[in-house]
Amino acid sequence: MGTPAGFEYETRGDDVVIRHHGRTATVLRGARASAFLADVVAGDPQLLMARITGDYRRGNERIAKQHPRNAR
């Protein structure tokens, strides 16, 4: 799995706007925005934004669904 890229964030008052390749992916407000800003300082901002927006799963979802271990 490659490292996430193309994310950026902007603070607007108490809100945090997260964009992916220039398009708004999500807006965080209140406690989530505060927690995000604290976590950005402590970790990898690209990975954190990918996880928050749900854009971190790529490529193998269909293949993994067909694997015998995952068949139900």
C-alpha atoms as a PDB file:
ATOM      1  CA  MET A   1       0.000   0.000   0.000  1.00  0.00           C
ATOM      2  CA  GLY A   2       1.408   3.391  -0.956  1.00  0.00           C
ATOM      3  CA  THR A   3       1.550   6.380   1.284  1.00  0.00           C
ATOM      4  CA  PRO A   4      -1.363   8.809   0.990  1.00  0.00           C
ATOM      5  CA  ALA A   5      -0.721  12.084  -0.790  1.00  0.00           C
ATOM      6  CA  GLY A   6      -2.634  15.059  -2.120  1.00  0.00           C
ATOM      7  CA  PHE A   7      -4.326  16.042   1.130  1.00  0.00           C
ATOM      8  CA  GLU A   8      -4.301  19.522   2.602  1.00  0.00           C
ATOM      9  CA  TYR A   9      -6.208  21.176   5.406  1.00  0.00           C
ATOM     10  CA  GLU A  10      -7.261  24.688   6.248  1.00  0.00           C
ATOM     11  CA  THR A  11      -8.620  26.106   9.489  1.00  0.00           C
ATOM     12  CA  ARG A  12     -11.595  28.436   9.282  1.00  0.00           C
ATOM     13  CA  GLY A  13     -12.427  29.720  12.720  1.00  0.00           C
ATOM     14  CA  ASP A  14     -13.306  26.599  14.715  1.00  0.00           C
ATOM     15  CA  ASP A  15     -13.718  24.406  11.617  1.00  0.00           C
ATOM     16  CA  VAL A  16     -11.107  22.393   9.726  1.00  0.00           C
ATOM     17  CA  VAL A  17     -11.626  21.825   5.997  1.00  0.00           C
ATOM     18  CA  ILE A  18      -9.803  18.814   4.542  1.00  0.00           C
ATOM     19  CA  ARG A  19      -9.247  18.737   0.779  1.00  0.00           C
ATOM     20  CA  HIS A  20      -8.009  15.972  -1.472  1.00  0.00           C
ATOM     21  CA  HIS A  21      -6.485  17.159  -4.749  1.00  0.00           C
ATOM     22  CA  GLY A  22      -8.216  20.518  -4.348  1.00  0.00           C
ATOM     23  CA  ARG A  23     -11.739  19.164  -3.710  1.00  0.00           C
ATOM     24  CA  THR A  24     -13.349  19.362  -0.291  1.00  0.00           C
ATOM     25  CA  ALA A  25     -13.407  15.883   1.256  1.00  0.00           C
ATOM     26  CA  THR A  26     -14.800  16.692   4.704  1.00  0.00           C
ATOM     27  CA  VAL A  27     -15.294  19.453   7.252  1.00  0.00           C
ATOM     28  CA  LEU A  28     -14.489  18.830  10.913  1.00  0.00           C
ATOM     29  CA  ARG A  29     -16.200  20.875  13.599  1.00  0.00           C
ATOM     30  CA  GLY A  30     -15.995  21.205  17.355  1.00  0.00           C
ATOM     31  CA  ALA A  31     -14.226  18.479  19.313  1.00  0.00           C
ATOM     32  CA  ARG A  32     -13.267  16.513  16.193  1.00  0.00           C
ATOM     33  CA  ALA A  33     -11.536  19.571  14.748  1.00  0.00           C
ATOM     34  CA  SER A  34      -9.635  20.182  17.985  1.00  0.00           C
ATOM     35  CA  ALA A  35      -8.581  16.531  18.224  1.00  0.00           C
ATOM     36  CA  PHE A  36      -7.480  16.571  14.574  1.00  0.00           C
ATOM     37  CA  LEU A  37      -5.276  19.636  15.063  1.00  0.00           C
ATOM     38  CA  ALA A  38      -3.654  18.021  18.100  1.00  0.00           C
ATOM     39  CA  ASP A  39      -3.055  14.744  16.218  1.00  0.00           C
ATOM     40  CA  VAL A  40      -1.584  16.478  13.153  1.00  0.00           C
ATOM     41  CA  VAL A  41       1.276  17.794  15.254  1.00  0.00           C
ATOM     42  CA  ALA A  42       1.990  14.338  16.714  1.00  0.00           C
ATOM     43  CA  GLY A  43       1.786  12.168  13.585  1.00  0.00           C
ATOM     44  CA  ASP A  44       1.786  11.927   9.807  1.00  0.00           C
ATOM     45  CA  PRO A  45      -0.767  14.484   8.544  1.00  0.00           C
ATOM     46  CA  GLN A  46      -1.293  12.771   5.161  1.00  0.00           C
ATOM     47  CA  LEU A  47      -2.121   9.413   6.748  1.00  0.00           C
ATOM     48  CA  LEU A  48      -4.346  11.031   9.355  1.00  0.00           C
ATOM     49  CA  MET A  49      -6.343  12.950   6.728  1.00  0.00           C
ATOM     50  CA  ALA A  50      -6.650   9.795   4.592  1.00  0.00           C
ATOM     51  CA  ARG A  51      -8.062   7.866   7.535  1.00  0.00           C
ATOM     52  CA  ILE A  52     -10.513  10.609   8.490  1.00  0.00           C
ATOM     53  CA  THR A  53     -11.849  10.926   4.953  1.00  0.00           C
ATOM     54  CA  GLY A  54     -11.957   7.169   4.354  1.00  0.00           C
ATOM     55  CA  ASP A  55      -9.598   7.444   1.389  1.00  0.00           C
ATOM     56  CA  TYR A  56      -6.996   4.998   2.668  1.00  0.00           C
ATOM     57  CA  ARG A  57      -8.337   1.730   1.233  1.00  0.00           C
ATOM     58  CA  ARG A  58      -7.244   1.213  -2.308  1.00  0.00           C
ATOM     59  CA  GLY A  59      -6.812  -1.665  -4.661  1.00  0.00           C
ATOM     60  CA  ASN A  60      -7.354  -4.987  -2.984  1.00  0.00           C
ATOM     61  CA  GLU A  61     -10.908  -4.850  -1.610  1.00  0.00           C
ATOM     62  CA  ARG A  62     -12.444  -7.006  -4.357  1.00  0.00           C
ATOM     63  CA  ILE A  63      -9.618  -9.535  -4.304  1.00  0.00           C
ATOM     64  CA  ALA A  64      -9.701  -9.849  -0.510  1.00  0.00           C
ATOM     65  CA  LYS A  65     -13.473 -10.389  -0.565  1.00  0.00           C
ATOM     66  CA  GLN A  66     -13.021 -13.444  -2.802  1.00  0.00           C
ATOM     67  CA  HIS A  67     -10.304 -15.046  -0.662  1.00  0.00           C
ATOM     68  CA  PRO A  68     -11.419 -18.326   1.007  1.00  0.00           C
ATOM     69  CA  ARG A  69     -10.548 -16.955   4.444  1.00  0.00           C
ATOM     70  CA  ASN A  70     -13.118 -14.179   3.969  1.00  0.00           C
ATOM     71  CA  ALA A  71     -15.843 -16.247   2.290  1.00  0.00           C
ATOM     72  CA  ARG A  72     -18.969 -16.747   4.395  1.00  0.00           C
END
